[in-house]
Amino acid sequence: MKYPLLLAALAGTLALSACERTVVAPPAAVVTVPGPAGPAGATGAAGTDGAKGATGAGVGIPGPTGATGATGATGSTGYEGATGATGATGDTGRTGRTGATGDTVVIVPAPAR
């Protein structure tokens, strides 16, 4: 899109530059020379003063500070629960008797077939 538009603009410029141009001389301007200056006019009347604008609001005075609130009462300490009873110590069991020594078993592997 960029190149066809550029090519059309270039072709239009070449086509217009090939046309014959006729130079038209503008007509000579008429110069008017002013005459001598006349006497100065009378001085005008003085203007009136403009109306004064309204005064803006002043700085506000802050109101008094409120009183500080009273400190709340301290809450009471909660009830401490009773300590539970200690359980009795159980009896120690009897010592077991020593076991008998057993026989030694030897396993012989089966012959390979």
PDB file of N, CA and C in Angstrom:
ATOM      1  N   MET A   1       0.831  -1.175   0.000  1.00  0.00           N
ATOM      2  CA  MET A   1       0.000   0.000   0.000  1.00  0.00           C
ATOM      3  C   MET A   1       0.876   1.238   0.000  1.00  0.00           C
ATOM      4  N   LYS A   2       2.030   1.122   0.606  1.00  0.00           N
ATOM      5  CA  LYS A   2       2.908   2.273   0.730  1.00  0.00           C
ATOM      6  C   LYS A   2       3.512   2.663  -0.623  1.00  0.00           C
ATOM      7  N   TYR A   3       3.931   1.696  -1.412  1.00  0.00           N
ATOM      8  CA  TYR A   3       4.621   1.995  -2.663  1.00  0.00           C
ATOM      9  C   TYR A   3       3.688   2.447  -3.799  1.00  0.00           C
ATOM     10  N   PRO A   4       2.505   1.870  -3.977  1.00  0.00           N
ATOM     11  CA  PRO A   4       1.623   2.363  -5.046  1.00  0.00           C
ATOM     12  C   PRO A   4       1.205   3.820  -4.814  1.00  0.00           C
ATOM     13  N   LEU A   5       0.972   4.216  -3.565  1.00  0.00           N
ATOM     14  CA  LEU A   5       0.596   5.593  -3.260  1.00  0.00           C
ATOM     15  C   LEU A   5       1.756   6.532  -3.568  1.00  0.00           C
ATOM     16  N   LEU A   6       2.960   6.122  -3.245  1.00  0.00           N
ATOM     17  CA  LEU A   6       4.160   6.925  -3.517  1.00  0.00           C
ATOM     18  C   LEU A   6       4.385   7.048  -5.031  1.00  0.00           C
ATOM     19  N   LEU A   7       4.170   5.967  -5.756  1.00  0.00           N
ATOM     20  CA  LEU A   7       4.349   5.969  -7.205  1.00  0.00           C
ATOM     21  C   LEU A   7       3.313   6.874  -7.875  1.00  0.00           C
ATOM     22  N   ALA A   8       2.070   6.878  -7.379  1.00  0.00           N
ATOM     23  CA  ALA A   8       1.023   7.736  -7.949  1.00  0.00           C
ATOM     24  C   ALA A   8       1.351   9.210  -7.698  1.00  0.00           C
ATOM     25  N   ALA A   9       1.862   9.542  -6.552  1.00  0.00           N
ATOM     26  CA  ALA A   9       2.230  10.929  -6.243  1.00  0.00           C
ATOM     27  C   ALA A   9       3.375  11.387  -7.150  1.00  0.00           C
ATOM     28  N   LEU A  10       4.347  10.534  -7.395  1.00  0.00           N
ATOM     29  CA  LEU A  10       5.481  10.867  -8.259  1.00  0.00           C
ATOM     30  C   LEU A  10       5.020  11.066  -9.705  1.00  0.00           C
ATOM     31  N   ALA A  11       4.115  10.209 -10.178  1.00  0.00           N
ATOM     32  CA  ALA A  11       3.618  10.327 -11.554  1.00  0.00           C
ATOM     33  C   ALA A  11       2.806  11.608 -11.717  1.00  0.00           C
ATOM     34  N   GLY A  12       2.022  11.972 -10.701  1.00  0.00           N
ATOM     35  CA  GLY A  12       1.237  13.209 -10.752  1.00  0.00           C
ATOM     36  C   GLY A  12       2.128  14.430 -10.783  1.00  0.00           C
ATOM     37  N   THR A  13       3.205  14.417 -10.017  1.00  0.00           N
ATOM     38  CA  THR A  13       4.149  15.539 -10.007  1.00  0.00           C
ATOM     39  C   THR A  13       4.817  15.694 -11.366  1.00  0.00           C
ATOM     40  N   LEU A  14       5.233  14.610 -11.987  1.00  0.00           N
ATOM     41  CA  LEU A  14       5.875  14.673 -13.303  1.00  0.00           C
ATOM     42  C   LEU A  14       4.898  15.163 -14.376  1.00  0.00           C
ATOM     43  N   ALA A  15       3.638  14.715 -14.285  1.00  0.00           N
ATOM     44  CA  ALA A  15       2.643  15.120 -15.281  1.00  0.00           C
ATOM     45  C   ALA A  15       2.351  16.613 -15.188  1.00  0.00           C
ATOM     46  N   LEU A  16       2.255  17.131 -13.987  1.00  0.00           N
ATOM     47  CA  LEU A  16       1.966  18.557 -13.822  1.00  0.00           C
ATOM     48  C   LEU A  16       3.167  19.431 -14.168  1.00  0.00           C
ATOM     49  N   SER A  17       4.352  18.921 -13.966  1.00  0.00           N
ATOM     50  CA  SER A  17       5.540  19.727 -14.288  1.00  0.00           C
ATOM     51  C   SER A  17       5.767  19.802 -15.806  1.00  0.00           C
ATOM     52  N   ALA A  18       5.187  18.890 -16.559  1.00  0.00           N
ATOM     53  CA  ALA A  18       5.368  18.892 -18.017  1.00  0.00           C
ATOM     54  C   ALA A  18       4.453  19.910 -18.701  1.00  0.00           C
ATOM     55  N   CYS A  19       3.446  20.407 -18.010  1.00  0.00           N
ATOM     56  CA  CYS A  19       2.522  21.385 -18.609  1.00  0.00           C
ATOM     57  C   CYS A  19       3.218  22.731 -18.800  1.00  0.00           C
ATOM     58  N   GLU A  20       2.755  23.458 -19.837  1.00  0.00           N
ATOM     59  CA  GLU A  20       3.328  24.776 -20.093  1.00  0.00           C
ATOM     60  C   GLU A  20       2.674  25.774 -19.154  1.00  0.00           C
ATOM     61  N   ARG A  21       3.483  26.581 -18.504  1.00  0.00           N
ATOM     62  CA  ARG A  21       2.948  27.573 -17.586  1.00  0.00           C
ATOM     63  C   ARG A  21       3.033  28.947 -18.227  1.00  0.00           C
ATOM     64  N   THR A  22       1.982  29.710 -18.029  1.00  0.00           N
ATOM     65  CA  THR A  22       1.974  31.075 -18.538  1.00  0.00           C
ATOM     66  C   THR A  22       2.212  32.006 -17.354  1.00  0.00           C
ATOM     67  N   VAL A  23       3.163  32.910 -17.514  1.00  0.00           N
ATOM     68  CA  VAL A  23       3.477  33.841 -16.438  1.00  0.00           C
ATOM     69  C   VAL A  23       2.582  35.056 -16.606  1.00  0.00           C
ATOM     70  N   VAL A  24       1.818  35.363 -15.577  1.00  0.00           N
ATOM     71  CA  VAL A  24       0.922  36.512 -15.611  1.00  0.00           C
ATOM     72  C   VAL A  24       1.525  37.567 -14.707  1.00  0.00           C
ATOM     73  N   ALA A  25       1.759  38.753 -15.240  1.00  0.00           N
ATOM     74  CA  ALA A  25       2.332  39.843 -14.449  1.00  0.00           C
ATOM     75  C   ALA A  25       1.193  40.544 -13.720  1.00  0.00           C
ATOM     76  N   PRO A  26       1.313  40.728 -12.431  1.00  0.00           N
ATOM     77  CA  PRO A  26       0.257  41.408 -11.690  1.00  0.00           C
ATOM     78  C   PRO A  26       0.228  42.886 -12.074  1.00  0.00           C
ATOM     79  N   PRO A  27      -0.954  43.525 -12.044  1.00  0.00           N
ATOM     80  CA  PRO A  27      -1.029  44.947 -12.388  1.00  0.00           C
ATOM     81  C   PRO A  27      -0.268  45.784 -11.367  1.00  0.00           C
ATOM     82  N   ALA A  28       0.271  46.915 -11.796  1.00  0.00           N
ATOM     83  CA  ALA A  28       1.051  47.776 -10.908  1.00  0.00           C
ATOM     84  C   ALA A  28       0.133  48.355  -9.849  1.00  0.00           C
ATOM     85  N   ALA A  29       0.592  48.395  -8.634  1.00  0.00           N
ATOM     86  CA  ALA A  29      -0.203  48.913  -7.525  1.00  0.00           C
ATOM     87  C   ALA A  29      -0.159  50.423  -7.530  1.00  0.00           C
ATOM     88  N   VAL A  30      -1.292  51.055  -7.215  1.00  0.00           N
ATOM     89  CA  VAL A  30      -1.371  52.517  -7.145  1.00  0.00           C
ATOM     90  C   VAL A  30      -0.947  52.925  -5.756  1.00  0.00           C
ATOM     91  N   VAL A  31       0.033  53.828  -5.665  1.00  0.00           N
ATOM     92  CA  VAL A  31       0.541  54.284  -4.380  1.00  0.00           C
ATOM     93  C   VAL A  31      -0.071  55.651  -4.101  1.00  0.00           C
ATOM     94  N   THR A  32      -0.735  55.798  -2.965  1.00  0.00           N
ATOM     95  CA  THR A  32      -1.340  57.073  -2.582  1.00  0.00           C
ATOM     96  C   THR A  32      -0.428  57.738  -1.577  1.00  0.00           C
ATOM     97  N   VAL A  33      -0.091  58.989  -1.819  1.00  0.00           N
ATOM     98  CA  VAL A  33       0.796  59.729  -0.914  1.00  0.00           C
ATOM     99  C   VAL A  33      -0.090  60.550   0.003  1.00  0.00           C
ATOM    100  N   PRO A  34       0.073  60.436   1.334  1.00  0.00           N
ATOM    101  CA  PRO A  34      -0.754  61.201   2.247  1.00  0.00           C
ATOM    102  C   PRO A  34      -0.373  62.687   2.251  1.00  0.00           C
ATOM    103  N   GLY A  35      -1.356  63.550   2.593  1.00  0.00           N
ATOM    104  CA  GLY A  35      -1.102  64.992   2.682  1.00  0.00           C
ATOM    105  C   GLY A  35      -0.531  65.353   4.041  1.00  0.00           C
ATOM    106  N   PRO A  36      -0.420  66.663   4.338  1.00  0.00           N
ATOM    107  CA  PRO A  36       0.145  67.063   5.613  1.00  0.00           C
ATOM    108  C   PRO A  36      -0.797  66.681   6.762  1.00  0.00           C
ATOM    109  N   ALA A  37      -0.233  66.486   7.942  1.00  0.00           N
ATOM    110  CA  ALA A  37      -1.014  66.093   9.106  1.00  0.00           C
ATOM    111  C   ALA A  37      -1.856  67.253   9.593  1.00  0.00           C
ATOM    112  N   GLY A  38      -3.076  66.950  10.096  1.00  0.00           N
ATOM    113  CA  GLY A  38      -3.965  67.976  10.633  1.00  0.00           C
ATOM    114  C   GLY A  38      -3.655  68.250  12.100  1.00  0.00           C
ATOM    115  N   PRO A  39      -4.388  69.222  12.711  1.00  0.00           N
ATOM    116  CA  PRO A  39      -4.148  69.543  14.115  1.00  0.00           C
ATOM    117  C   PRO A  39      -4.563  68.378  15.019  1.00  0.00           C
ATOM    118  N   ALA A  40      -3.966  68.336  16.218  1.00  0.00           N
ATOM    119  CA  ALA A  40      -4.255  67.265  17.172  1.00  0.00           C
ATOM    120  C   ALA A  40      -5.660  67.434  17.718  1.00  0.00           C
ATOM    121  N   GLY A  41      -6.369  66.356  18.010  1.00  0.00           N
ATOM    122  CA  GLY A  41      -7.726  66.400  18.545  1.00  0.00           C
ATOM    123  C   GLY A  41      -7.715  66.729  20.031  1.00  0.00           C
ATOM    124  N   ALA A  42      -8.897  67.014  20.572  1.00  0.00           N
ATOM    125  CA  ALA A  42      -9.042  67.344  21.995  1.00  0.00           C
ATOM    126  C   ALA A  42      -8.785  66.092  22.830  1.00  0.00           C
ATOM    127  N   THR A  43      -8.340  66.325  24.068  1.00  0.00           N
ATOM    128  CA  THR A  43      -8.057  65.223  24.981  1.00  0.00           C
ATOM    129  C   THR A  43      -9.372  64.640  25.469  1.00  0.00           C
ATOM    130  N   GLY A  44      -9.485  63.363  25.540  1.00  0.00           N
ATOM    131  CA  GLY A  44     -10.711  62.706  25.984  1.00  0.00           C
ATOM    132  C   GLY A  44     -10.900  62.811  27.490  1.00  0.00           C
ATOM    133  N   ALA A  45     -12.132  62.562  27.978  1.00  0.00           N
ATOM    134  CA  ALA A  45     -12.443  62.612  29.407  1.00  0.00           C
ATOM    135  C   ALA A  45     -11.828  61.405  30.105  1.00  0.00           C
ATOM    136  N   ALA A  46     -11.543  61.612  31.424  1.00  0.00           N
ATOM    137  CA  ALA A  46     -10.936  60.528  32.212  1.00  0.00           C
ATOM    138  C   ALA A  46     -11.975  59.450  32.486  1.00  0.00           C
ATOM    139  N   GLY A  47     -11.622  58.218  32.476  1.00  0.00           N
ATOM    140  CA  GLY A  47     -12.543  57.110  32.733  1.00  0.00           C
ATOM    141  C   GLY A  47     -12.848  56.974  34.213  1.00  0.00           C
ATOM    142  N   THR A  48     -13.944  56.321  34.545  1.00  0.00           N
ATOM    143  CA  THR A  48     -14.310  56.120  35.949  1.00  0.00           C
ATOM    144  C   THR A  48     -13.588  54.894  36.493  1.00  0.00           C
ATOM    145  N   ASP A  49     -13.446  54.875  37.845  1.00  0.00           N
ATOM    146  CA  ASP A  49     -12.804  53.729  38.487  1.00  0.00           C
ATOM    147  C   ASP A  49     -13.743  52.531  38.440  1.00  0.00           C
ATOM    148  N   GLY A  50     -13.192  51.367  38.278  1.00  0.00           N
ATOM    149  CA  GLY A  50     -14.001  50.149  38.256  1.00  0.00           C
ATOM    150  C   GLY A  50     -14.520  49.816  39.659  1.00  0.00           C
ATOM    151  N   ALA A  51     -15.566  48.980  39.740  1.00  0.00           N
ATOM    152  CA  ALA A  51     -16.140  48.586  41.032  1.00  0.00           C
ATOM    153  C   ALA A  51     -15.158  47.687  41.764  1.00  0.00           C
ATOM    154  N   LYS A  52     -15.126  47.835  43.101  1.00  0.00           N
ATOM    155  CA  LYS A  52     -14.212  47.044  43.921  1.00  0.00           C
ATOM    156  C   LYS A  52     -14.805  45.660  44.115  1.00  0.00           C
ATOM    157  N   GLY A  53     -14.006  44.653  44.016  1.00  0.00           N
ATOM    158  CA  GLY A  53     -14.472  43.273  44.186  1.00  0.00           C
ATOM    159  C   GLY A  53     -14.775  42.962  45.645  1.00  0.00           C
ATOM    160  N   ALA A  54     -15.597  41.935  45.883  1.00  0.00           N
ATOM    161  CA  ALA A  54     -15.970  41.540  47.241  1.00  0.00           C
ATOM    162  C   ALA A  54     -14.763  40.944  47.955  1.00  0.00           C
ATOM    163  N   THR A  55     -14.706  41.164  49.260  1.00  0.00           N
ATOM    164  CA  THR A  55     -13.611  40.624  50.064  1.00  0.00           C
ATOM    165  C   THR A  55     -13.878  39.149  50.323  1.00  0.00           C
ATOM    166  N   GLY A  56     -12.874  38.350  50.217  1.00  0.00           N
ATOM    167  CA  GLY A  56     -13.021  36.914  50.441  1.00  0.00           C
ATOM    168  C   GLY A  56     -13.228  36.602  51.910  1.00  0.00           C
ATOM    169  N   ALA A  57     -13.684  35.371  52.197  1.00  0.00           N
ATOM    170  CA  ALA A  57     -13.920  34.949  53.577  1.00  0.00           C
ATOM    171  C   ALA A  57     -12.602  34.904  54.330  1.00  0.00           C
ATOM    172  N   GLY A  58     -12.623  35.307  55.607  1.00  0.00           N
ATOM    173  CA  GLY A  58     -11.406  35.307  56.436  1.00  0.00           C
ATOM    174  C   GLY A  58     -11.049  33.900  56.864  1.00  0.00           C
ATOM    175  N   VAL A  59      -9.943  33.794  57.547  1.00  0.00           N
ATOM    176  CA  VAL A  59      -9.496  32.495  58.032  1.00  0.00           C
ATOM    177  C   VAL A  59     -10.383  32.104  59.201  1.00  0.00           C
ATOM    178  N   GLY A  60     -10.978  30.928  59.188  1.00  0.00           N
ATOM    179  CA  GLY A  60     -11.872  30.486  60.261  1.00  0.00           C
ATOM    180  C   GLY A  60     -11.114  30.239  61.553  1.00  0.00           C
ATOM    181  N   ILE A  61     -11.773  30.511  62.661  1.00  0.00           N
ATOM    182  CA  ILE A  61     -11.165  30.273  63.970  1.00  0.00           C
ATOM    183  C   ILE A  61     -11.604  28.888  64.412  1.00  0.00           C
ATOM    184  N   PRO A  62     -10.659  28.024  64.786  1.00  0.00           N
ATOM    185  CA  PRO A  62     -11.055  26.677  65.186  1.00  0.00           C
ATOM    186  C   PRO A  62     -11.815  26.686  66.504  1.00  0.00           C
ATOM    187  N   GLY A  63     -12.739  25.780  66.677  1.00  0.00           N
ATOM    188  CA  GLY A  63     -13.520  25.679  67.908  1.00  0.00           C
ATOM    189  C   GLY A  63     -12.685  25.098  69.036  1.00  0.00           C
ATOM    190  N   PRO A  64     -13.232  25.119  70.255  1.00  0.00           N
ATOM    191  CA  PRO A  64     -12.482  24.594  71.405  1.00  0.00           C
ATOM    192  C   PRO A  64     -12.312  23.082  71.302  1.00  0.00           C
ATOM    193  N   THR A  65     -11.272  22.590  71.928  1.00  0.00           N
ATOM    194  CA  THR A  65     -10.994  21.154  71.925  1.00  0.00           C
ATOM    195  C   THR A  65     -11.904  20.469  72.930  1.00  0.00           C
ATOM    196  N   GLY A  66     -12.449  19.326  72.606  1.00  0.00           N
ATOM    197  CA  GLY A  66     -13.344  18.598  73.514  1.00  0.00           C
ATOM    198  C   GLY A  66     -12.597  18.036  74.709  1.00  0.00           C
ATOM    199  N   ALA A  67     -13.359  17.736  75.765  1.00  0.00           N
ATOM    200  CA  ALA A  67     -12.765  17.195  76.996  1.00  0.00           C
ATOM    201  C   ALA A  67     -12.309  15.762  76.772  1.00  0.00           C
ATOM    202  N   THR A  68     -11.284  15.362  77.520  1.00  0.00           N
ATOM    203  CA  THR A  68     -10.773  13.997  77.428  1.00  0.00           C
ATOM    204  C   THR A  68     -11.702  13.075  78.196  1.00  0.00           C
ATOM    205  N   GLY A  69     -12.031  11.933  77.663  1.00  0.00           N
ATOM    206  CA  GLY A  69     -12.932  10.984  78.328  1.00  0.00           C
ATOM    207  C   GLY A  69     -12.287  10.347  79.546  1.00  0.00           C
ATOM    208  N   ALA A  70     -13.136   9.842  80.446  1.00  0.00           N
ATOM    209  CA  ALA A  70     -12.644   9.207  81.678  1.00  0.00           C
ATOM    210  C   ALA A  70     -12.041   7.849  81.349  1.00  0.00           C
ATOM    211  N   THR A  71     -11.062   7.449  82.147  1.00  0.00           N
ATOM    212  CA  THR A  71     -10.419   6.152  81.964  1.00  0.00           C
ATOM    213  C   THR A  71     -11.343   5.067  82.487  1.00  0.00           C
ATOM    214  N   GLY A  72     -11.482   3.995  81.788  1.00  0.00           N
ATOM    215  CA  GLY A  72     -12.362   2.896  82.214  1.00  0.00           C
ATOM    216  C   GLY A  72     -11.799   2.151  83.414  1.00  0.00           C
ATOM    217  N   ALA A  73     -12.699   1.466  84.158  1.00  0.00           N
ATOM    218  CA  ALA A  73     -12.284   0.715  85.346  1.00  0.00           C
ATOM    219  C   ALA A  73     -11.539  -0.546  84.925  1.00  0.00           C
ATOM    220  N   THR A  74     -10.615  -0.993  85.780  1.00  0.00           N
ATOM    221  CA  THR A  74      -9.860  -2.214  85.513  1.00  0.00           C
ATOM    222  C   THR A  74     -10.750  -3.409  85.814  1.00  0.00           C
ATOM    223  N   GLY A  75     -10.773  -4.386  84.963  1.00  0.00           N
ATOM    224  CA  GLY A  75     -11.610  -5.575  85.168  1.00  0.00           C
ATOM    225  C   GLY A  75     -11.087  -6.436  86.314  1.00  0.00           C
ATOM    226  N   SER A  76     -11.987  -7.259  86.889  1.00  0.00           N
ATOM    227  CA  SER A  76     -11.575  -8.112  88.009  1.00  0.00           C
ATOM    228  C   SER A  76     -10.808  -9.316  87.483  1.00  0.00           C
ATOM    229  N   THR A  77      -9.985  -9.870  88.372  1.00  0.00           N
ATOM    230  CA  THR A  77      -9.187 -11.034  88.002  1.00  0.00           C
ATOM    231  C   THR A  77     -10.088 -12.264  88.020  1.00  0.00           C
ATOM    232  N   GLY A  78      -9.957 -13.107  87.058  1.00  0.00           N
ATOM    233  CA  GLY A  78     -10.809 -14.302  86.969  1.00  0.00           C
ATOM    234  C   GLY A  78     -10.501 -15.317  88.068  1.00  0.00           C
ATOM    235  N   TYR A  79     -11.451 -16.284  88.306  1.00  0.00           N
ATOM    236  CA  TYR A  79     -11.317 -17.332  89.322  1.00  0.00           C
ATOM    237  C   TYR A  79     -10.266 -18.332  88.876  1.00  0.00           C
ATOM    238  N   GLU A  80      -9.391 -18.681  89.820  1.00  0.00           N
ATOM    239  CA  GLU A  80      -8.376 -19.692  89.510  1.00  0.00           C
ATOM    240  C   GLU A  80      -8.944 -21.041  89.915  1.00  0.00           C
ATOM    241  N   GLY A  81      -9.010 -21.965  89.017  1.00  0.00           N
ATOM    242  CA  GLY A  81      -9.616 -23.275  89.299  1.00  0.00           C
ATOM    243  C   GLY A  81      -8.832 -24.089  90.318  1.00  0.00           C
ATOM    244  N   ALA A  82      -9.526 -25.047  90.933  1.00  0.00           N
ATOM    245  CA  ALA A  82      -8.901 -25.908  91.941  1.00  0.00           C
ATOM    246  C   ALA A  82      -7.962 -26.905  91.274  1.00  0.00           C
ATOM    247  N   THR A  83      -6.929 -27.307  92.011  1.00  0.00           N
ATOM    248  CA  THR A  83      -5.970 -28.276  91.492  1.00  0.00           C
ATOM    249  C   THR A  83      -6.551 -29.676  91.668  1.00  0.00           C
ATOM    250  N   GLY A  84      -6.427 -30.552  90.700  1.00  0.00           N
ATOM    251  CA  GLY A  84      -6.958 -31.916  90.788  1.00  0.00           C
ATOM    252  C   GLY A  84      -6.147 -32.794  91.743  1.00  0.00           C
ATOM    253  N   ALA A  85      -6.774 -33.860  92.246  1.00  0.00           N
ATOM    254  CA  ALA A  85      -6.104 -34.768  93.179  1.00  0.00           C
ATOM    255  C   ALA A  85      -5.072 -35.602  92.448  1.00  0.00           C
ATOM    256  N   THR A  86      -4.001 -35.954  93.157  1.00  0.00           N
ATOM    257  CA  THR A  86      -2.958 -36.781  92.575  1.00  0.00           C
ATOM    258  C   THR A  86      -3.368 -38.239  92.703  1.00  0.00           C
ATOM    259  N   GLY A  87      -3.211 -39.028  91.651  1.00  0.00           N
ATOM    260  CA  GLY A  87      -3.602 -40.441  91.678  1.00  0.00           C
ATOM    261  C   GLY A  87      -2.606 -41.301  92.465  1.00  0.00           C
ATOM    262  N   ALA A  88      -3.048 -42.438  92.899  1.00  0.00           N
ATOM    263  CA  ALA A  88      -2.188 -43.352  93.657  1.00  0.00           C
ATOM    264  C   ALA A  88      -1.205 -44.041  92.728  1.00  0.00           C
ATOM    265  N   THR A  89      -0.048 -44.401  93.267  1.00  0.00           N
ATOM    266  CA  THR A  89       0.974 -45.079  92.492  1.00  0.00           C
ATOM    267  C   THR A  89       0.614 -46.558  92.409  1.00  0.00           C
ATOM    268  N   GLY A  90       0.730 -47.166  91.241  1.00  0.00           N
ATOM    269  CA  GLY A  90       0.383 -48.579  91.078  1.00  0.00           C
ATOM    270  C   GLY A  90       1.467 -49.503  91.632  1.00  0.00           C
ATOM    271  N   ASP A  91       1.085 -50.791  91.852  1.00  0.00           N
ATOM    272  CA  ASP A  91       2.037 -51.787  92.362  1.00  0.00           C
ATOM    273  C   ASP A  91       3.027 -52.155  91.277  1.00  0.00           C
ATOM    274  N   THR A  92       4.240 -52.530  91.692  1.00  0.00           N
ATOM    275  CA  THR A  92       5.253 -52.983  90.767  1.00  0.00           C
ATOM    276  C   THR A  92       5.007 -54.465  90.490  1.00  0.00           C
ATOM    277  N   GLY A  93       5.037 -54.883  89.255  1.00  0.00           N
ATOM    278  CA  GLY A  93       4.772 -56.288  88.911  1.00  0.00           C
ATOM    279  C   GLY A  93       5.941 -57.205  89.273  1.00  0.00           C
ATOM    280  N   ARG A  94       5.682 -58.572  89.273  1.00  0.00           N
ATOM    281  CA  ARG A  94       6.717 -59.560  89.593  1.00  0.00           C
ATOM    282  C   ARG A  94       7.702 -59.672  88.444  1.00  0.00           C
ATOM    283  N   THR A  95       8.917 -60.070  88.743  1.00  0.00           N
ATOM    284  CA  THR A  95       9.928 -60.278  87.717  1.00  0.00           C
ATOM    285  C   THR A  95       9.683 -61.651  87.107  1.00  0.00           C
ATOM    286  N   GLY A  96       9.765 -61.788  85.792  1.00  0.00           N
ATOM    287  CA  GLY A  96       9.526 -63.066  85.111  1.00  0.00           C
ATOM    288  C   GLY A  96      10.709 -64.011  85.288  1.00  0.00           C
ATOM    289  N   ARG A  97      10.446 -65.315  85.098  1.00  0.00           N
ATOM    290  CA  ARG A  97      11.520 -66.290  85.249  1.00  0.00           C
ATOM    291  C   ARG A  97      12.324 -66.392  83.974  1.00  0.00           C
ATOM    292  N   THR A  98      13.528 -66.861  84.052  1.00  0.00           N
ATOM    293  CA  THR A  98      14.429 -66.970  82.927  1.00  0.00           C
ATOM    294  C   THR A  98      14.004 -68.158  82.070  1.00  0.00           C
ATOM    295  N   GLY A  99      14.031 -68.020  80.756  1.00  0.00           N
ATOM    296  CA  GLY A  99      13.601 -69.088  79.854  1.00  0.00           C
ATOM    297  C   GLY A  99      14.672 -70.163  79.713  1.00  0.00           C
ATOM    298  N   ALA A 100      14.222 -71.332  79.274  1.00  0.00           N
ATOM    299  CA  ALA A 100      15.136 -72.452  79.094  1.00  0.00           C
ATOM    300  C   ALA A 100      15.904 -72.291  77.800  1.00  0.00           C
ATOM    301  N   THR A 101      17.089 -72.834  77.725  1.00  0.00           N
ATOM    302  CA  THR A 101      17.876 -72.752  76.510  1.00  0.00           C
ATOM    303  C   THR A 101      17.396 -73.849  75.568  1.00  0.00           C
ATOM    304  N   GLY A 102      17.304 -73.551  74.295  1.00  0.00           N
ATOM    305  CA  GLY A 102      16.772 -74.506  73.334  1.00  0.00           C
ATOM    306  C   GLY A 102      17.869 -75.242  72.601  1.00  0.00           C
ATOM    307  N   ASP A 103      17.455 -76.202  71.764  1.00  0.00           N
ATOM    308  CA  ASP A 103      18.392 -76.971  70.968  1.00  0.00           C
ATOM    309  C   ASP A 103      18.742 -76.188  69.711  1.00  0.00           C
ATOM    310  N   THR A 104      19.915 -76.468  69.116  1.00  0.00           N
ATOM    311  CA  THR A 104      20.355 -75.822  67.900  1.00  0.00           C
ATOM    312  C   THR A 104      19.875 -76.659  66.738  1.00  0.00           C
ATOM    313  N   VAL A 105      19.274 -76.028  65.739  1.00  0.00           N
ATOM    314  CA  VAL A 105      18.787 -76.727  64.548  1.00  0.00           C
ATOM    315  C   VAL A 105      19.679 -76.371  63.407  1.00  0.00           C
ATOM    316  N   VAL A 106      20.192 -77.359  62.653  1.00  0.00           N
ATOM    317  CA  VAL A 106      21.042 -77.135  61.501  1.00  0.00           C
ATOM    318  C   VAL A 106      20.262 -77.563  60.276  1.00  0.00           C
ATOM    319  N   ILE A 107      20.179 -76.703  59.290  1.00  0.00           N
ATOM    320  CA  ILE A 107      19.456 -77.004  58.056  1.00  0.00           C
ATOM    321  C   ILE A 107      20.476 -77.291  56.987  1.00  0.00           C
ATOM    322  N   VAL A 108      20.344 -78.462  56.374  1.00  0.00           N
ATOM    323  CA  VAL A 108      21.268 -78.870  55.328  1.00  0.00           C
ATOM    324  C   VAL A 108      20.583 -78.638  53.992  1.00  0.00           C
ATOM    325  N   PRO A 109      21.231 -77.959  53.078  1.00  0.00           N
ATOM    326  CA  PRO A 109      20.597 -77.712  51.790  1.00  0.00           C
ATOM    327  C   PRO A 109      20.426 -78.996  50.985  1.00  0.00           C
ATOM    328  N   ALA A 110      19.409 -79.061  50.163  1.00  0.00           N
ATOM    329  CA  ALA A 110      19.149 -80.232  49.348  1.00  0.00           C
ATOM    330  C   ALA A 110      20.167 -80.310  48.220  1.00  0.00           C
ATOM    331  N   PRO A 111      20.533 -81.531  47.751  1.00  0.00           N
ATOM    332  CA  PRO A 111      21.493 -81.646  46.683  1.00  0.00           C
ATOM    333  C   PRO A 111      20.929 -81.075  45.364  1.00  0.00           C
ATOM    334  N   ALA A 112      21.798 -80.533  44.554  1.00  0.00           N
ATOM    335  CA  ALA A 112      21.391 -79.967  43.290  1.00  0.00           C
ATOM    336  C   ALA A 112      21.074 -81.042  42.291  1.00  0.00           C
ATOM    337  N   ARG A 113      20.082 -80.925  41.545  1.00  0.00           N
ATOM    338  CA  ARG A 113      19.709 -81.946  40.570  1.00  0.00           C
ATOM    339  C   ARG A 113      20.210 -81.648  39.225  1.00  0.00           C
TER     340      ARG A 113
END
